[in-house]
Amino acid sequence: MRYLVIQLARFGDLVQTRRLMLSLLAEPGAEVHLCLDQSLAVLAGLLYPTAKLHPVTAHGTALAKLPPHEQAQALLSANVPAFARLARCDFNRVYNLNFSPLNFRVASLFEPSLVRGHAWVNGQEAVGQWARLAMRWSSMRRIGLNIADFWAWHHPAPVAPAEVNPPAQGRGGGLGVVLAGRESRRSLPARELASLVCALLDTNTVRGDAPIVLLGSAAEAKAAHLLLRELPPRRAGQVKNLCGGTDWPGLAQAVGALDLVLTPDTGTMHLAAALGVPVLATFLSSAWSAETGPYGLGHRVLQAVTDCLPCLESQPCEQGVACLRPFGDVRLTRYLATADARHLPEGLLDLDSGLDTLGQTWSPRAGEDGAAALRVDFRAFLARHLGAGGAWTAVGVRDFAERLYAERDWLVPDLESSHSRQCRAGVVNFNDIQAY
């Protein structure tokens, strides 16, 4: 079997495609191809050394000033040779993972019945049933499925979650500090970040005299300078600033040697998890652990849980970034030192990573997860939908079936989706659902 995965998003998304890629690569005799942005080809070679890569121009910064329709045309012109090579490949199945104009243009190279996710049918965009279902639950982001698992379940039998990334353990190389992510409100300002760095070292979460390795691109030079100003002189003397100083192999080598990575929701966070390095992630604003938390066992997320979260970074915050306040609360340092839940600031959850039959899960080490019960029902519904266990007659499963299934799902079977494949196999019977 010859498979193609089209992943044209950025750094973190490439790493989060890991469960799907490993599921395809695990099939005996499978030949797996990956279409991706050319800037990530070297990284993809490190992550998926046996995959055949098809780099294209997906994020040309020189095109950013063009109107959207002109950007699409310019990208198509630049990518004609790569598209021609893809069209000549005889793929048995194509997994098109992103909802973007360029993704749909690539999908148009192939017979629609071969495409999972986002296809091009008779000159129009067509979204598969599994992806449509995800669009419906996107309004309930506090109970969502990790995106790595969502992509993986395009495959009828993805590898077990425990096989994706190794259990995390420190490597002795110190504390990695990722300074910023792409979305500004997701990143901690220098003062709050310095406080967390000192707390982790002062409490021997990481050895007190360990190196503090700053990670990021050259664009984080100012953030690195501000952090150094906020750190006590003794701690500032432990800093090794790698911002803008590593290529992809150098970044992987640096991250893979660390004891712990302190980070917002970033590609480097996902890389650390893939390398089996423990992550302590700070999630606020639009970042939500259920959707994009570090994958695997041995990771931890400090998740802001103010009522307005998760939000959209594209819209102004009318709450004065209230979700940032718990990270500046002096009680957080006390909590990290004592592990006493009474000291955890209000508006914050301390979550430990876990795994179940569907994939990544999170459970509170401290704090109250108000969405926990609803999330259990949601995951039971998804398990039943995917043929991974459970019964339609369970109350929570019925409730979500009523809420998330649409008339089109009942009347127009979708040959692309995993759900309809299971219907034909007798796993899901719509008459059984209607009967409850």
Protein backbone atom coordinates (compact mmCIF):
# COMPACT_ATOMS: atom_id res chain seq x y z
CA MET A 1 0.00 0.00 0.00
CA ARG A 2 1.17 3.49 -0.85
CA TYR A 3 -0.10 6.33 1.35
CA LEU A 4 0.19 10.12 1.19
CA VAL A 5 -0.23 12.43 4.19
CA ILE A 6 -0.71 16.11 3.32
CA GLN A 7 0.32 18.22 6.32
CA LEU A 8 0.86 21.81 5.21
CA ALA A 9 0.60 23.51 8.62
CA ARG A 10 3.54 24.47 10.81
CA PHE A 11 6.17 23.00 13.14
CA GLY A 12 3.90 21.80 15.94
CA ASP A 13 1.35 20.32 13.56
CA LEU A 14 4.04 18.31 11.80
CA VAL A 15 5.04 16.73 15.11
CA GLN A 16 1.42 16.15 16.12
CA THR A 17 0.90 14.13 12.93
CA ARG A 18 3.13 11.51 14.54
CA ARG A 19 0.43 9.05 15.60
CA LEU A 20 -1.08 8.93 12.11
CA MET A 21 2.34 8.64 10.47
CA LEU A 22 3.39 5.83 12.81
CA SER A 23 0.08 4.04 12.19
CA LEU A 24 0.69 4.04 8.45
CA LEU A 25 4.37 3.16 8.76
CA ALA A 26 3.45 0.20 11.00
CA GLU A 27 1.51 -1.50 8.20
CA PRO A 28 3.59 -4.32 6.65
CA GLY A 29 5.05 -3.23 3.32
CA ALA A 30 3.52 0.24 3.50
CA GLU A 31 5.17 3.08 1.57
CA VAL A 32 4.36 6.37 3.29
CA HIS A 33 4.76 9.75 1.60
CA LEU A 34 4.49 13.14 3.31
CA CYS A 35 3.69 16.44 1.59
CA LEU A 36 4.78 19.38 3.76
CA ASP A 37 6.16 22.89 3.74
CA GLN A 38 9.73 22.95 2.45
CA SER A 39 11.00 24.78 5.56
CA LEU A 40 10.19 21.66 7.65
CA ALA A 41 11.72 19.02 5.38
CA VAL A 42 14.86 18.54 7.48
CA LEU A 43 12.81 18.19 10.66
CA ALA A 44 10.47 15.72 8.95
CA GLY A 45 13.51 13.68 7.97
CA LEU A 46 14.44 13.44 11.65
CA LEU A 47 10.92 12.57 12.80
CA TYR A 48 9.97 10.19 9.98
CA PRO A 49 13.24 8.93 8.46
CA THR A 50 11.62 6.21 6.35
CA ALA A 51 8.90 8.42 4.82
CA LYS A 52 9.26 9.81 1.30
CA LEU A 53 9.06 13.61 1.47
CA HIS A 54 7.40 15.97 -1.00
CA PRO A 55 8.29 19.54 0.05
CA VAL A 56 6.18 22.39 -1.31
CA THR A 57 5.96 26.12 -0.68
CA ALA A 58 3.10 26.53 1.78
CA HIS A 59 4.17 29.47 3.96
CA GLY A 60 6.09 31.78 1.67
CA THR A 61 6.54 34.94 3.74
CA ALA A 62 7.17 36.96 0.57
CA LEU A 63 3.56 36.28 -0.40
CA ALA A 64 2.06 37.60 2.83
CA LYS A 65 1.26 41.04 1.38
CA LEU A 66 -0.73 39.64 -1.52
CA PRO A 67 -4.53 39.28 -1.39
CA PRO A 68 -5.63 35.74 -0.47
CA HIS A 69 -6.64 34.75 -4.02
CA GLU A 70 -3.31 36.01 -5.39
CA GLN A 71 -1.43 34.14 -2.65
CA ALA A 72 -3.13 30.91 -3.71
CA GLN A 73 -2.27 31.51 -7.35
CA ALA A 74 1.36 32.34 -6.55
CA LEU A 75 1.69 29.23 -4.38
CA LEU A 76 0.23 27.08 -7.12
CA SER A 77 2.68 28.47 -9.68
CA ALA A 78 5.65 27.84 -7.38
CA ASN A 79 4.51 24.30 -6.66
CA VAL A 80 3.67 23.02 -10.14
CA PRO A 81 6.73 20.68 -10.36
CA ALA A 82 6.01 19.14 -6.95
CA PHE A 83 2.34 18.74 -7.82
CA ALA A 84 3.24 17.01 -11.06
CA ARG A 85 5.40 14.52 -9.18
CA LEU A 86 2.60 13.82 -6.70
CA ALA A 87 0.08 13.32 -9.49
CA ARG A 88 2.27 10.64 -11.03
CA CYS A 89 2.29 8.60 -7.80
CA ASP A 90 -0.25 5.83 -7.58
CA PHE A 91 -1.52 6.32 -4.03
CA ASN A 92 -3.96 3.89 -2.45
CA ARG A 93 -5.09 6.49 0.05
CA VAL A 94 -4.49 10.17 0.73
CA TYR A 95 -4.87 11.81 4.15
CA ASN A 96 -5.43 15.54 3.69
CA LEU A 97 -5.32 17.03 7.17
CA ASN A 98 -5.72 20.81 6.87
CA PHE A 99 -8.62 23.02 5.83
CA SER A 100 -6.79 25.47 3.57
CA PRO A 101 -6.98 26.54 -0.10
CA LEU A 102 -3.63 24.95 -0.87
CA ASN A 103 -4.60 21.66 0.80
CA PHE A 104 -7.71 21.46 -1.35
CA ARG A 105 -5.68 22.18 -4.49
CA VAL A 106 -3.33 19.32 -3.64
CA ALA A 107 -6.30 17.06 -2.96
CA SER A 108 -7.66 17.87 -6.43
CA LEU A 109 -4.77 15.84 -7.89
CA PHE A 110 -6.39 12.64 -6.67
CA GLU A 111 -9.58 10.70 -7.10
CA PRO A 112 -11.90 11.98 -4.31
CA SER A 113 -12.75 8.48 -3.10
CA LEU A 114 -9.09 8.02 -2.12
CA VAL A 115 -8.96 11.14 0.04
CA ARG A 116 -9.62 11.19 3.78
CA GLY A 117 -10.26 14.50 5.54
CA HIS A 118 -10.58 17.30 2.98
CA ALA A 119 -11.26 16.37 -0.65
CA TRP A 120 -11.96 18.20 -3.89
CA VAL A 121 -15.12 16.93 -5.56
CA ASN A 122 -16.47 18.28 -8.86
CA GLY A 123 -14.68 21.59 -8.40
CA GLN A 124 -15.84 22.08 -4.81
CA GLU A 125 -14.42 21.64 -1.32
CA ALA A 126 -15.72 18.52 0.41
CA VAL A 127 -15.13 17.81 4.10
CA GLY A 128 -15.31 14.23 5.31
CA GLN A 129 -17.73 13.15 8.02
CA TRP A 130 -15.09 12.73 10.74
CA ALA A 131 -13.77 16.24 10.08
CA ARG A 132 -17.30 17.65 9.98
CA LEU A 133 -18.00 16.06 13.34
CA ALA A 134 -14.90 17.75 14.74
CA MET A 135 -16.12 21.11 13.45
CA ARG A 136 -19.32 20.60 15.41
CA TRP A 137 -17.58 19.81 18.68
CA SER A 138 -15.15 22.75 18.22
CA SER A 139 -17.62 24.92 20.11
CA MET A 140 -16.97 22.71 23.18
CA ARG A 141 -13.21 23.12 23.30
CA ARG A 142 -12.84 22.29 26.99
CA ILE A 143 -13.80 18.69 26.27
CA GLY A 144 -12.14 18.33 22.87
CA LEU A 145 -9.97 15.54 21.48
CA ASN A 146 -6.22 16.01 21.17
CA ILE A 147 -5.50 16.99 17.57
CA ALA A 148 -2.88 14.24 17.27
CA ASP A 149 -5.61 11.71 18.08
CA PHE A 150 -8.13 13.39 15.78
CA TRP A 151 -5.74 13.09 12.85
CA ALA A 152 -4.77 9.55 13.85
CA TRP A 153 -8.41 8.38 13.88
CA HIS A 154 -8.68 9.06 10.16
CA HIS A 155 -6.97 5.66 10.16
CA PRO A 156 -9.33 2.76 11.02
CA ALA A 157 -6.91 1.27 13.57
CA PRO A 158 -4.23 3.74 14.75
CA VAL A 159 -1.30 2.56 16.84
CA ALA A 160 -1.85 2.54 20.59
CA PRO A 161 -1.29 5.94 22.24
CA ALA A 162 1.56 4.52 24.35
CA GLU A 163 3.48 3.69 21.16
CA VAL A 164 3.56 7.29 19.90
CA ASN A 165 6.10 8.95 22.20
CA PRO A 166 8.40 7.41 24.81
CA PRO A 167 7.58 7.97 28.50
CA ALA A 168 9.27 11.20 29.51
CA GLN A 169 12.38 11.24 31.68
CA GLY A 170 15.04 13.85 32.34
CA ARG A 171 18.35 13.60 30.50
CA GLY A 172 20.57 15.68 32.80
CA GLY A 173 21.08 18.72 30.57
CA GLY A 174 19.20 21.31 32.60
CA LEU A 175 16.05 23.40 32.23
CA GLY A 176 14.91 24.37 28.76
CA VAL A 177 12.89 27.56 28.56
CA VAL A 178 10.89 28.27 25.41
CA LEU A 179 10.38 32.01 25.37
CA ALA A 180 7.35 32.51 23.16
CA GLY A 181 4.90 30.91 20.78
CA ARG A 182 3.28 32.22 17.61
CA GLU A 183 0.29 33.65 19.50
CA SER A 184 1.42 36.44 21.82
CA ARG A 185 -1.22 36.02 24.56
CA ARG A 186 -0.24 32.37 25.01
CA SER A 187 3.27 33.31 26.18
CA LEU A 188 4.22 34.40 29.68
CA PRO A 189 5.78 37.86 30.07
CA ALA A 190 9.37 37.98 31.35
CA ARG A 191 8.46 38.62 35.00
CA GLU A 192 6.08 35.66 35.32
CA LEU A 193 8.41 33.41 33.36
CA ALA A 194 11.41 34.34 35.52
CA SER A 195 9.40 33.57 38.65
CA LEU A 196 8.59 30.09 37.36
CA VAL A 197 12.19 29.45 36.32
CA CYS A 198 13.46 30.36 39.79
CA ALA A 199 10.76 28.28 41.49
CA LEU A 200 11.69 25.17 39.50
CA LEU A 201 15.37 25.58 40.34
CA ASP A 202 14.89 26.65 43.95
CA THR A 203 12.68 23.64 44.69
CA ASN A 204 15.04 21.21 42.92
CA THR A 205 12.36 20.26 40.40
CA VAL A 206 15.42 20.69 38.21
CA ARG A 207 18.86 20.61 39.83
CA GLY A 208 19.51 24.06 41.27
CA ASP A 209 22.84 24.59 39.50
CA ALA A 210 21.66 23.20 36.17
CA PRO A 211 22.00 25.21 32.95
CA ILE A 212 19.03 27.34 31.89
CA VAL A 213 18.82 26.83 28.13
CA LEU A 214 16.80 29.48 26.28
CA LEU A 215 15.07 28.16 23.17
CA GLY A 216 13.50 30.04 20.31
CA SER A 217 14.15 31.72 17.00
CA ALA A 218 16.10 34.91 16.43
CA ALA A 219 12.78 36.75 16.82
CA GLU A 220 12.91 35.94 20.56
CA ALA A 221 16.13 37.92 21.12
CA LYS A 222 14.24 40.71 22.88
CA ALA A 223 12.30 38.24 25.04
CA ALA A 224 15.59 36.60 26.04
CA HIS A 225 17.03 39.98 27.02
CA LEU A 226 13.95 40.81 29.12
CA LEU A 227 14.09 37.45 30.89
CA LEU A 228 17.77 37.93 31.76
CA ARG A 229 16.91 41.30 33.31
CA GLU A 230 14.23 39.69 35.49
CA LEU A 231 16.37 36.77 36.70
CA PRO A 232 18.54 37.18 39.82
CA PRO A 233 22.23 37.56 38.87
CA ARG A 234 23.02 34.08 40.15
CA ARG A 235 20.40 32.55 37.88
CA ALA A 236 21.24 34.77 34.94
CA GLY A 237 24.78 33.38 35.13
CA GLN A 238 23.38 29.89 34.46
CA VAL A 239 21.76 30.93 31.17
CA LYS A 240 22.79 29.51 27.82
CA ASN A 241 20.97 31.44 25.11
CA LEU A 242 20.32 29.33 21.99
CA CYS A 243 17.67 31.62 20.47
CA GLY A 244 18.30 31.78 16.76
CA GLY A 245 21.40 29.64 17.17
CA THR A 246 20.20 26.18 16.14
CA ASP A 247 19.09 24.46 12.97
CA TRP A 248 16.59 21.60 13.16
CA PRO A 249 19.16 18.92 14.08
CA GLY A 250 20.73 21.30 16.61
CA LEU A 251 17.35 22.04 18.19
CA ALA A 252 16.51 18.34 18.46
CA GLN A 253 19.91 17.64 20.01
CA ALA A 254 19.58 20.49 22.51
CA VAL A 255 16.01 19.63 23.52
CA GLY A 256 16.74 15.90 23.71
CA ALA A 257 19.43 16.47 26.33
CA LEU A 258 17.30 18.43 28.83
CA ASP A 259 15.80 17.52 32.19
CA LEU A 260 12.63 19.55 31.70
CA VAL A 261 11.18 21.96 29.14
CA LEU A 262 9.19 24.93 30.43
CA THR A 263 7.13 26.19 27.51
CA PRO A 264 3.89 27.66 26.24
CA ASP A 265 1.98 25.74 23.57
CA THR A 266 4.71 25.58 20.89
CA GLY A 267 6.26 23.31 18.31
CA THR A 268 9.26 22.89 20.59
CA MET A 269 6.93 21.57 23.29
CA HIS A 270 5.69 18.88 20.90
CA LEU A 271 9.25 18.08 19.83
CA ALA A 272 10.27 17.59 23.47
CA ALA A 273 7.37 15.19 23.99
CA ALA A 274 8.31 13.27 20.84
CA LEU A 275 11.87 12.95 22.17
CA GLY A 276 10.66 11.73 25.59
CA VAL A 277 11.74 14.84 27.50
CA PRO A 278 9.41 15.99 30.33
CA VAL A 279 7.36 19.11 29.63
CA LEU A 280 5.89 21.64 32.04
CA ALA A 281 3.59 23.69 29.82
CA THR A 282 1.80 26.93 30.63
CA PHE A 283 -1.55 27.08 28.84
CA LEU A 284 -3.64 30.24 28.77
CA SER A 285 -5.59 32.36 26.32
CA SER A 286 -6.41 30.23 23.25
CA ALA A 287 -4.31 27.22 24.35
CA TRP A 288 -6.23 24.30 25.83
CA SER A 289 -4.57 21.14 27.05
CA ALA A 290 -7.30 18.77 25.85
CA GLU A 291 -6.66 19.91 22.27
CA THR A 292 -2.92 20.43 21.99
CA GLY A 293 -1.22 19.36 25.22
CA PRO A 294 2.16 17.55 25.06
CA TYR A 295 1.57 13.96 23.99
CA GLY A 296 2.53 10.97 26.10
CA LEU A 297 3.22 10.12 29.72
CA GLY A 298 5.24 12.19 32.18
CA HIS A 299 4.11 15.67 31.18
CA ARG A 300 2.39 18.41 33.12
CA VAL A 301 0.30 21.46 32.20
CA LEU A 302 -0.51 24.52 34.27
CA GLN A 303 -3.85 25.36 32.65
CA ALA A 304 -5.63 28.67 33.19
CA VAL A 305 -9.37 28.07 33.64
CA THR A 306 -10.99 31.50 33.80
CA ASP A 307 -14.56 31.58 32.51
CA CYS A 308 -13.65 33.26 29.21
CA LEU A 309 -11.27 30.50 28.09
CA PRO A 310 -10.32 29.22 25.65
CA CYS A 311 -10.54 32.37 23.54
CA LEU A 312 -9.53 33.45 20.03
CA GLU A 313 -6.24 35.33 19.70
CA SER A 314 -7.61 37.04 16.60
CA GLN A 315 -10.08 38.93 18.79
CA PRO A 316 -9.11 41.57 21.37
CA CYS A 317 -9.26 40.51 25.01
CA GLU A 318 -11.89 42.46 26.93
CA GLN A 319 -10.91 40.86 30.24
CA GLY A 320 -7.46 42.42 30.56
CA VAL A 321 -5.87 38.99 29.95
CA ALA A 322 -7.30 37.76 33.26
CA CYS A 323 -5.99 34.26 32.50
CA LEU A 324 -2.44 35.56 32.99
CA ARG A 325 -2.98 36.64 36.60
CA PRO A 326 -2.65 33.21 38.27
CA PHE A 327 0.83 32.84 36.76
CA GLY A 328 1.93 36.03 38.53
CA ASP A 329 0.39 35.07 41.87
CA VAL A 330 3.01 34.51 44.58
CA ARG A 331 1.05 31.47 45.74
CA LEU A 332 2.09 29.61 42.60
CA THR A 333 5.70 29.56 43.76
CA ARG A 334 4.54 28.31 47.16
CA TYR A 335 2.47 25.61 45.48
CA LEU A 336 5.39 24.40 43.36
CA ALA A 337 7.56 24.24 46.47
CA THR A 338 5.06 22.39 48.68
CA ALA A 339 2.75 20.54 46.24
CA ASP A 340 -0.02 21.59 48.65
CA ALA A 341 -3.17 22.10 46.57
CA ARG A 342 -4.35 24.78 48.99
CA HIS A 343 -1.69 27.11 47.60
CA LEU A 344 -2.62 26.72 43.94
CA PRO A 345 -3.94 30.10 42.75
CA GLU A 346 -7.59 30.37 41.83
CA GLY A 347 -8.15 30.09 38.09
CA LEU A 348 -5.45 27.47 37.57
CA LEU A 349 -5.34 23.69 37.14
CA ASP A 350 -2.23 21.55 37.54
CA LEU A 351 -2.74 18.63 35.16
CA ASP A 352 -0.89 15.34 34.67
CA SER A 353 -0.84 13.61 31.28
CA GLY A 354 -2.40 10.19 30.80
CA LEU A 355 -3.65 7.87 28.05
CA ASP A 356 -6.83 5.93 27.36
CA THR A 357 -8.15 3.93 24.41
CA LEU A 358 -8.78 7.08 22.36
CA GLY A 359 -5.48 8.82 23.13
CA GLN A 360 -4.20 11.66 25.30
CA THR A 361 -5.99 12.54 28.55
CA TRP A 362 -5.39 14.95 31.44
CA SER A 363 -6.26 14.64 35.11
CA PRO A 364 -5.91 17.22 37.89
CA ARG A 365 -3.01 16.98 40.27
CA ALA A 366 -4.53 20.04 41.92
CA GLY A 367 -7.48 22.28 41.18
CA GLU A 368 -11.04 21.46 40.13
CA ASP A 369 -11.75 20.44 36.55
CA GLY A 370 -15.34 21.56 36.04
CA ALA A 371 -15.57 19.86 32.64
CA ALA A 372 -14.38 16.43 33.81
CA ALA A 373 -17.76 14.67 33.90
CA LEU A 374 -18.84 16.06 30.53
CA ARG A 375 -15.51 15.05 29.02
CA VAL A 376 -16.00 11.46 30.21
CA ASP A 377 -19.34 11.32 28.39
CA PHE A 378 -17.86 12.92 25.28
CA ARG A 379 -15.03 10.41 25.12
CA ALA A 380 -17.51 7.57 25.63
CA PHE A 381 -19.48 8.90 22.65
CA LEU A 382 -16.36 9.13 20.50
CA ALA A 383 -15.31 5.62 21.50
CA ARG A 384 -18.72 4.30 20.44
CA HIS A 385 -18.62 6.33 17.21
CA LEU A 386 -15.18 4.96 16.32
CA GLY A 387 -15.98 1.39 17.29
CA ALA A 388 -13.58 1.50 20.24
CA GLY A 389 -16.06 0.32 22.88
CA GLY A 390 -19.14 1.42 24.78
CA ALA A 391 -22.85 1.30 24.00
CA TRP A 392 -25.27 3.68 22.30
CA THR A 393 -27.70 3.16 25.17
CA ALA A 394 -25.45 4.96 27.69
CA VAL A 395 -27.09 8.24 28.67
CA GLY A 396 -24.04 10.42 27.95
CA VAL A 397 -23.45 8.72 24.60
CA ARG A 398 -27.08 9.28 23.57
CA ASP A 399 -26.90 12.94 24.57
CA PHE A 400 -23.84 13.59 22.45
CA ALA A 401 -25.26 11.61 19.53
CA GLU A 402 -28.31 13.87 19.56
CA ARG A 403 -26.13 16.94 19.81
CA LEU A 404 -23.44 16.15 17.26
CA TYR A 405 -24.99 14.02 14.54
CA ALA A 406 -26.69 15.90 11.72
CA GLU A 407 -29.38 14.89 9.27
CA ARG A 408 -26.79 14.52 6.53
CA ASP A 409 -25.04 11.82 8.56
CA TRP A 410 -28.20 9.76 8.62
CA LEU A 411 -29.36 10.26 5.05
CA VAL A 412 -26.18 10.51 3.00
CA PRO A 413 -23.56 7.87 3.91
CA ASP A 414 -20.08 9.29 3.51
CA LEU A 415 -17.77 6.73 1.92
CA GLU A 416 -14.70 8.69 3.10
CA SER A 417 -15.25 8.72 6.82
CA SER A 418 -14.16 6.18 9.40
CA HIS A 419 -17.67 6.38 10.85
CA SER A 420 -19.41 5.22 7.67
CA ARG A 421 -16.79 2.51 7.15
CA GLN A 422 -17.77 1.15 10.54
CA CYS A 423 -21.46 1.44 9.70
CA ARG A 424 -20.91 -0.79 6.68
CA ALA A 425 -18.94 -3.18 8.88
CA GLY A 426 -21.82 -3.37 11.33
CA VAL A 427 -20.03 -1.54 14.16
CA VAL A 428 -22.47 1.38 14.08
CA ASN A 429 -26.11 0.80 13.29
CA PHE A 430 -28.17 3.95 12.94
CA ASN A 431 -31.36 2.00 13.60
CA ASP A 432 -29.95 1.11 17.02
CA ILE A 433 -29.33 4.79 17.72
CA GLN A 434 -32.83 5.77 16.63
CA ALA A 435 -34.30 3.12 18.88
CA TYR A 436 -32.96 4.39 22.18
